[in-house]
Protein backbone atom coordinates (compact mmCIF):
# COMPACT_ATOMS: atom_id res chain seq x y z
CA MET A 1 112.47 95.12 72.03
CA ALA A 2 116.01 96.61 71.80
CA ALA A 3 115.10 97.39 68.08
CA LEU A 4 111.81 99.51 69.01
CA THR A 5 112.11 103.02 67.62
CA PRO A 6 112.16 106.01 69.85
CA ASP A 7 108.38 106.83 68.78
CA LEU A 8 107.47 103.16 69.85
CA TRP A 9 109.16 103.38 73.44
CA ARG A 10 106.68 105.54 74.56
CA ASP A 11 104.10 103.12 74.51
CA TRP A 12 105.99 100.67 76.73
CA ALA A 13 106.47 100.96 80.45
CA PRO A 14 109.02 99.06 82.73
CA ILE A 15 106.96 97.03 85.50
CA ARG A 16 109.56 94.99 87.11
CA VAL A 17 113.24 94.75 87.89
CA TYR A 18 114.55 91.36 88.64
CA ARG A 19 117.45 89.00 88.61
CA ARG A 20 117.22 86.35 85.72
CA ASP A 21 119.81 83.98 85.23
CA GLY A 22 122.47 85.83 87.23
CA ARG A 23 121.80 89.08 85.52
CA TRP A 24 119.25 92.03 86.15
CA ALA A 25 116.48 92.43 83.64
CA VAL A 26 113.24 94.39 83.37
CA ASP A 27 109.82 93.26 82.43
CA TRP A 28 107.97 95.79 80.19
CA CYS A 29 104.10 96.27 79.78
CA PHE A 30 102.54 97.69 76.54
CA LEU A 31 100.33 100.47 77.53
CA ASP A 32 98.31 101.33 74.40
CA GLY A 33 97.72 104.87 75.36
CA ALA A 34 96.59 104.03 79.11
CA ARG A 35 97.29 106.83 81.53
CA PHE A 36 97.98 106.40 85.27
CA THR A 37 94.55 107.55 86.64
CA ALA A 38 93.98 104.90 89.06
CA PRO A 39 95.02 105.41 92.70
CA PHE A 40 98.01 103.08 92.55
CA PHE A 41 100.35 102.48 89.75
CA ASP A 42 100.13 98.73 89.90
CA GLU A 43 96.21 99.06 89.24
CA THR A 44 96.75 100.55 85.84
CA ILE A 45 99.24 97.71 85.14
CA GLY A 46 96.86 95.13 86.03
CA SER A 47 94.35 96.52 83.79
CA CYS A 48 96.80 96.45 80.87
CA LEU A 49 97.83 93.07 81.72
CA GLN A 50 94.51 91.80 81.30
CA ARG A 51 94.57 92.34 77.51
CA PRO A 52 95.05 89.49 75.29
CA PHE A 53 98.25 91.30 73.57
CA ASN A 54 100.06 91.80 76.65
CA LEU A 55 99.67 88.13 77.75
CA VAL A 56 100.93 86.76 74.57
CA PHE A 57 103.45 89.52 73.66
CA ARG A 58 105.45 89.93 76.94
CA ARG A 59 108.75 91.79 76.81
CA GLN A 60 111.91 91.51 78.64
CA THR A 61 115.10 93.21 78.20
CA PRO A 62 118.54 93.44 80.08
CA ILE A 63 118.85 96.11 82.63
CA GLU A 64 120.96 98.12 80.39
CA ALA A 65 117.99 98.77 78.07
CA LEU A 66 116.82 101.30 80.75
CA VAL A 67 119.94 103.41 80.06
CA ASP A 68 119.86 103.08 76.26
CA THR A 69 116.08 104.03 76.05
CA GLN A 70 116.72 106.73 78.55
CA THR A 71 118.94 108.29 75.69
CA ALA A 72 117.20 107.54 72.66
CA ALA A 73 113.36 108.34 74.21
CA PRO A 74 113.85 110.25 77.49
CA GLY A 75 110.92 110.96 79.48
CA ILE A 76 109.82 114.33 81.07
CA ARG A 77 112.06 115.58 84.05
CA PRO A 78 110.22 114.90 87.29
CA THR A 79 108.13 117.99 88.51
CA GLY A 80 108.04 116.75 91.83
CA PHE A 81 108.49 113.96 94.37
CA ILE A 82 105.91 113.04 97.07
CA PHE A 83 107.13 111.26 100.33
CA HIS A 84 104.57 110.42 103.05
CA MET A 85 103.92 108.58 106.46
CA SER A 86 101.28 106.70 105.10
CA ARG A 87 97.41 107.09 105.60
CA CYS A 88 97.96 110.78 105.66
CA GLY A 89 96.43 112.05 102.35
CA SER A 90 99.18 111.29 99.82
CA THR A 91 96.47 109.27 97.67
CA LEU A 92 94.29 112.28 97.65
CA VAL A 93 97.05 114.62 96.57
CA SER A 94 98.24 112.13 93.71
CA GLN A 95 94.56 111.59 92.59
CA MET A 96 94.08 115.46 92.27
CA LEU A 97 97.30 115.85 90.33
CA ALA A 98 96.38 112.83 88.14
CA ALA A 99 92.92 114.33 87.45
CA LEU A 100 94.73 116.54 84.85
CA PRO A 101 95.50 115.54 81.40
CA SER A 102 98.87 117.50 81.57
CA ASN A 103 99.91 115.62 84.49
CA ILE A 104 101.65 112.02 84.54
CA MET A 105 101.10 110.75 88.05
CA ILE A 106 103.45 107.55 89.09
CA SER A 107 102.01 106.48 92.62
CA GLU A 108 103.85 103.88 94.32
CA ALA A 109 105.40 101.86 91.53
CA SER A 110 106.61 98.31 92.25
CA VAL A 111 109.06 98.86 89.72
CA ILE A 112 110.48 101.90 91.73
CA GLU A 113 110.44 99.70 94.69
CA SER A 114 112.39 96.53 92.85
CA VAL A 115 115.26 99.01 92.08
CA LEU A 116 115.50 100.65 95.36
CA ARG A 117 115.87 97.08 96.88
CA ALA A 118 118.12 95.45 94.41
CA GLY A 119 120.99 96.02 96.84
CA LEU A 120 119.20 93.89 99.51
CA TRP A 121 118.71 90.82 97.07
CA ASP A 122 122.07 91.22 95.44
CA HIS A 123 124.86 92.51 97.67
CA SER A 124 127.19 93.32 94.68
CA VAL A 125 124.68 96.09 93.26
CA THR A 126 126.16 99.25 93.89
CA ASP A 127 124.26 102.58 95.09
CA ALA A 128 125.66 104.04 91.50
CA GLN A 129 123.88 101.20 89.72
CA ARG A 130 120.73 101.96 91.77
CA ILE A 131 120.75 105.62 90.97
CA ALA A 132 121.49 104.66 87.45
CA TRP A 133 118.58 102.23 87.23
CA LEU A 134 116.35 104.55 89.26
CA GLN A 135 116.98 107.41 86.61
CA GLY A 136 116.19 104.96 83.89
CA VAL A 137 112.99 103.56 85.38
CA ILE A 138 111.77 107.21 86.00
CA SER A 139 112.72 108.64 82.44
CA ALA A 140 110.60 105.61 80.81
CA LEU A 141 107.56 106.10 83.25
CA GLY A 142 107.63 109.76 82.45
CA ARG A 143 107.52 109.67 78.45
CA PRO A 144 104.80 111.65 77.33
CA ARG A 145 102.23 109.36 75.57
CA THR A 146 99.81 112.21 74.75
CA ALA A 147 100.34 115.78 73.60
CA GLN A 148 99.03 117.13 76.62
CA GLU A 149 101.50 115.74 79.10
CA GLN A 150 103.98 118.20 80.43
CA ARG A 151 104.60 117.52 84.01
CA LEU A 152 105.74 114.09 86.08
CA PHE A 153 105.10 113.41 89.58
CA ILE A 154 106.33 110.54 91.51
CA LYS A 155 104.89 109.31 94.74
CA PHE A 156 106.86 106.91 96.54
CA ASP A 157 106.07 104.30 98.87
CA SER A 158 105.96 105.52 102.65
CA TRP A 159 109.01 103.37 103.65
CA HIS A 160 111.35 104.78 100.92
CA THR A 161 112.16 107.61 103.17
CA VAL A 162 115.03 105.36 104.13
CA ASP A 163 116.34 105.82 100.68
CA LEU A 164 115.73 109.79 100.61
CA GLY A 165 119.23 110.55 100.67
CA LEU A 166 119.94 108.29 97.47
CA ILE A 167 116.97 109.51 95.55
CA ARG A 168 118.21 113.25 96.18
CA ARG A 169 121.57 112.07 94.99
CA ALA A 170 119.67 110.85 91.93
CA TYR A 171 117.73 114.02 91.39
CA PRO A 172 119.29 116.79 93.60
CA ASP A 173 117.14 119.52 91.98
CA VAL A 174 113.63 117.79 91.96
CA PRO A 175 111.41 119.51 94.56
CA TRP A 176 110.06 117.26 97.08
CA ILE A 177 107.28 117.20 99.89
CA PHE A 178 106.56 115.23 102.84
CA LEU A 179 103.09 114.40 104.00
CA TYR A 180 102.10 113.33 107.51
CA ARG A 181 99.18 113.12 109.80
CA GLU A 182 98.87 112.66 113.73
CA PRO A 183 100.19 109.36 114.52
CA ALA A 184 97.48 107.75 116.64
CA GLU A 185 94.92 108.41 113.68
CA VAL A 186 97.60 106.60 111.14
CA LEU A 187 97.70 103.69 113.53
CA VAL A 188 94.06 103.17 113.58
CA SER A 189 93.99 103.15 110.00
CA HIS A 190 96.51 100.54 110.03
CA ARG A 191 95.01 98.46 112.46
CA ARG A 192 91.72 98.37 110.70
CA GLN A 193 93.56 97.59 107.37
CA PRO A 194 97.24 97.03 107.81
CA GLY A 195 99.73 98.07 104.78
CA ALA A 196 102.43 95.73 103.56
CA GLN A 197 104.84 97.69 105.66
CA MET A 198 103.07 97.00 108.95
CA VAL A 199 103.02 93.19 108.44
CA PRO A 200 106.43 91.60 109.62
CA GLY A 201 108.23 90.08 106.79
CA ILE A 202 106.62 91.72 103.59
CA VAL A 203 108.51 94.73 103.51
CA GLY A 204 112.17 93.26 105.30
CA PRO A 205 112.61 94.91 108.61
CA GLY A 206 116.31 94.72 107.64
CA TRP A 207 115.64 97.39 105.15
CA MET A 208 114.31 99.72 107.35
CA GLY A 209 116.96 99.26 109.97
CA LEU A 210 114.98 97.09 112.36
CA ASP A 211 116.37 93.93 113.97
CA MET A 212 114.05 90.82 112.96
CA THR A 213 114.65 89.06 116.14
CA ALA A 214 113.98 92.35 118.32
CA THR A 215 110.79 92.92 116.47
CA ALA A 216 109.62 89.30 116.52
CA ALA A 217 108.23 89.71 119.70
CA LEU A 218 106.39 93.06 119.33
CA SER A 219 102.84 93.35 119.17
CA LEU A 220 101.40 94.60 115.63
CA ASP A 221 100.87 98.15 117.08
CA GLU A 222 104.33 98.17 118.58
CA TYR A 223 105.59 96.85 115.36
CA ALA A 224 103.67 99.75 113.25
CA VAL A 225 104.99 102.40 115.78
CA ARG A 226 108.49 101.40 115.16
CA VAL A 227 107.77 101.40 111.26
CA LEU A 228 106.56 104.88 111.43
CA ALA A 229 109.24 106.14 113.57
CA THR A 230 111.44 104.95 111.01
CA ILE A 231 109.89 106.67 108.05
CA CYS A 232 109.70 109.74 110.34
CA GLN A 233 113.36 109.44 111.02
CA GLY A 234 114.16 108.84 107.69
CA VAL A 235 112.61 112.35 106.22
CA LEU A 236 113.74 114.43 109.52
CA ALA A 237 117.46 113.53 108.62
CA HIS A 238 116.93 115.82 105.56
CA ARG A 239 115.10 118.26 107.08
CA ASP A 240 117.58 120.96 105.73
CA ASP A 241 117.35 119.56 102.40
CA GLY A 242 114.86 121.87 100.82
CA GLY A 243 111.41 119.69 101.22
CA LEU A 244 108.03 120.90 101.85
CA PHE A 245 106.43 119.28 105.22
CA VAL A 246 102.61 119.19 104.98
CA ASN A 247 99.95 118.16 107.67
CA TYR A 248 97.12 116.16 106.84
CA ARG A 249 94.97 118.91 108.27
CA GLN A 250 96.12 121.40 105.52
CA LEU A 251 94.56 119.27 102.75
CA PRO A 252 93.13 119.63 100.22
CA GLU A 253 93.72 123.56 99.92
CA ALA A 254 97.53 122.97 100.26
CA VAL A 255 97.52 121.27 96.98
CA PHE A 256 96.42 124.36 95.17
CA ALA A 257 98.75 126.93 97.01
CA GLU A 258 102.02 125.59 99.08
CA ILE A 259 102.33 122.54 97.14
CA ALA A 260 101.86 123.92 93.58
CA GLY A 261 104.38 126.72 94.46
CA HIS A 262 106.73 124.48 95.71
CA PHE A 263 106.79 122.31 92.85
CA GLY A 264 106.88 125.20 90.64
CA ALA A 265 103.53 124.20 88.99
CA THR A 266 101.13 126.70 87.79
CA PHE A 267 97.40 125.56 87.04
CA ASP A 268 94.67 127.53 85.18
CA ALA A 269 91.13 128.04 86.40
CA ALA A 270 89.88 124.95 84.55
CA GLU A 271 92.54 122.74 85.94
CA LEU A 272 91.92 124.13 89.57
CA ASP A 273 88.24 123.21 89.16
CA ARG A 274 89.05 119.76 87.94
CA MET A 275 91.34 119.09 90.84
CA ARG A 276 88.65 120.43 93.39
CA ARG A 277 86.22 117.89 91.82
CA ALA A 278 88.67 115.23 92.12
CA ALA A 279 89.03 115.94 95.87
CA VAL A 280 85.14 115.30 96.49
CA TYR A 281 85.98 111.69 95.94
CA ASP A 282 87.31 108.89 98.20
CA ALA A 283 91.03 108.90 96.87
CA LYS A 284 91.49 105.10 97.25
CA ALA A 285 87.67 104.38 96.15
CA PRO A 286 87.11 107.18 93.67
CA SER A 287 83.66 105.96 92.72
CA LEU A 288 82.69 107.12 96.60
CA LEU A 289 82.21 110.33 97.67
CA PHE A 290 84.82 111.34 100.50
CA THR A 291 83.52 110.98 104.19
CA ALA A 292 85.88 112.84 106.47
CA ASP A 293 87.13 110.45 109.38
CA THR A 294 89.24 112.35 111.70
CA ALA A 295 86.56 112.19 114.45
CA ALA A 296 85.92 108.55 113.86
CA LYS A 297 89.57 107.63 114.08
CA GLN A 298 90.13 109.66 117.21
CA ALA A 299 87.33 107.76 118.80
CA ALA A 300 89.00 104.56 117.95
CA VAL A 301 92.02 105.03 119.29
CA THR A 302 92.56 102.69 122.51
CA PRO A 303 94.51 103.89 125.64
CA ALA A 304 97.54 101.74 124.77
CA MET A 305 97.55 103.10 121.29
CA ARG A 306 97.53 106.61 122.49
CA GLY A 307 100.20 105.83 124.86
CA LEU A 308 102.42 104.15 122.24
CA ALA A 309 101.58 107.22 119.86
CA GLU A 310 102.49 110.00 122.26
CA GLN A 311 105.46 108.18 124.00
CA GLN A 312 107.51 106.85 120.72
CA LEU A 313 106.04 109.20 117.94
CA GLY A 314 104.95 112.45 119.89
CA PRO A 315 108.37 113.73 119.89
CA LEU A 316 108.97 113.01 116.10
CA TYR A 317 105.39 114.48 115.38
CA ALA A 318 106.50 117.60 116.94
CA GLU A 319 109.59 117.85 115.16
CA LEU A 320 108.04 117.51 111.83
CA GLU A 321 105.38 120.23 113.00
CA ALA A 322 108.42 122.38 113.92
CA VAL A 323 109.87 122.10 110.37
CA ARG A 324 106.62 122.55 108.80
CA LEU A 325 106.37 126.19 110.67
CA GLY A 326 110.11 126.98 110.27
CA ARG A 327 110.67 126.68 113.96
CA ALA A 328 112.96 123.87 113.81
CA GLY A 329 115.00 123.52 117.29
CA GLU A 330 112.01 125.08 119.17
CA PRO A 331 109.88 122.70 121.54
CA LEU A 332 106.40 122.32 120.29
CA ALA A 333 103.88 120.29 122.43
CA PHE A 334 102.52 117.04 120.81
CA HIS A 335 98.67 118.01 120.99
CA ARG A 336 99.34 121.71 120.20
CA ARG A 337 96.81 123.00 117.60
CA LEU A 338 97.64 126.19 115.74
CA PRO A 339 95.31 128.85 114.27
CA GLU A 340 96.31 128.17 110.81
CA ASP A 341 95.29 124.38 110.97
CA ARG A 342 91.74 123.80 110.49
CA GLU A 343 90.34 120.25 110.67
CA VAL A 344 89.63 118.69 107.45
CA ASP A 345 86.39 117.50 109.00
CA ASP A 346 85.10 120.80 109.30
CA ARG A 347 85.72 121.85 105.53
CA VAL A 348 82.86 121.72 103.21
CA ARG A 349 83.59 120.42 99.83
CA THR A 350 81.07 121.25 97.23
CA VAL A 351 81.10 120.58 93.69
CA GLU A 352 79.41 122.84 91.20
CA GLN A 353 76.68 121.05 89.32
CA GLY A 354 76.39 121.37 85.46
C-alpha cells in the first residue's frame, strides 16, 4: 500500500483508525470511482466492501501513512463543516450538497469518529496527534476522484461538538455551521428511533462529560435530554467563533442563500435546480418523497417530554436562537416565533417535470 503512486492513492479511502499490536493503524477501502452520495459515509463504504476485490485485497497501513499520503496526494481543502443537534435537517443539507458532482460530501464518517475518540482508547495519544490524524483522514477523504469534484464538505456526528475546539485548531479557517431544531421535536424523533448517542454505553457518556453512575438511573428521555444539552453547550461555547447557526425551519431555502454564502460556494442555475430536486426526497430514504412531520411530532410530545424540553433545553434553544439572530445576550422566550421563521410544513416543494 505504501508504494502506491499519488495517482493511485485517490482510489483508496481510509475507513477505520484503530490500535493493532500496540500501534495505531489505518484500514483502507478501494472505491473504484464510487462517489459519496448515500445519506451516510458508511453506507457507501458498505456497498464497496461487498465487492469481491475489496474482500480479497484488504489494505492496512501504519497511521503514519496518513501524513505521508497527505503530502504525496493531498485532497481538496474543506469548503465547510456541518455540525448539528441531530434530527434537525442536517441529512437534508448533506444530501442536497451531495447531489452535485462538483461536491464531495462526507457524512458522519466512522473513521473521523475513531480519530476523535482515539484519546479515550489510548491515553498516550495527544491532541497534537489527533489533529494530525484528523487532517490526514480528511485530506485522504477529500481527494478528487473525478475531474468535476472541486469542493469538500464534512458533516460531523452530532456529539462531535464536544471536540469543536480541537477541530477548529486543526482547521481554523474553514467555515462551519450548526443546525438545530425545537428540542421537543428532536426528543420525539429519538424516542421513535433512538440514535446511537441516545443509548447509554454506545457513545461513551464520559466522552460527553456525563457521569456513567449518575446517568444509569435516568430514563431514556432524561438521558436524551442530557445528551442534547451537552451537544448544544459544546457549540455555544464557540458562539463567537464565526459559525453560522441555522434553525430547521429555515430549510431548505437556507442552503441556497445563508449556508452557500457562509461557505463561500457559488452555484449556477442548473446546480440550484439539482439541489432543489434532491430536497423533494426524504433525506434518509432517498427513494421516498419528503413528508413534512413537524405537526405530527408536536402532536406526539407528551407532557413529561415537553416539561423536560422546556426546563432543561429551553434556555439553550433560546441561546441558539439569540446567536442566530445576532442578539446574543438578549433574553428570548422559548416558544417565540419570529416573522422570518416560516414553518417547514407550510412550504410547498415542487419538481419541474420534464
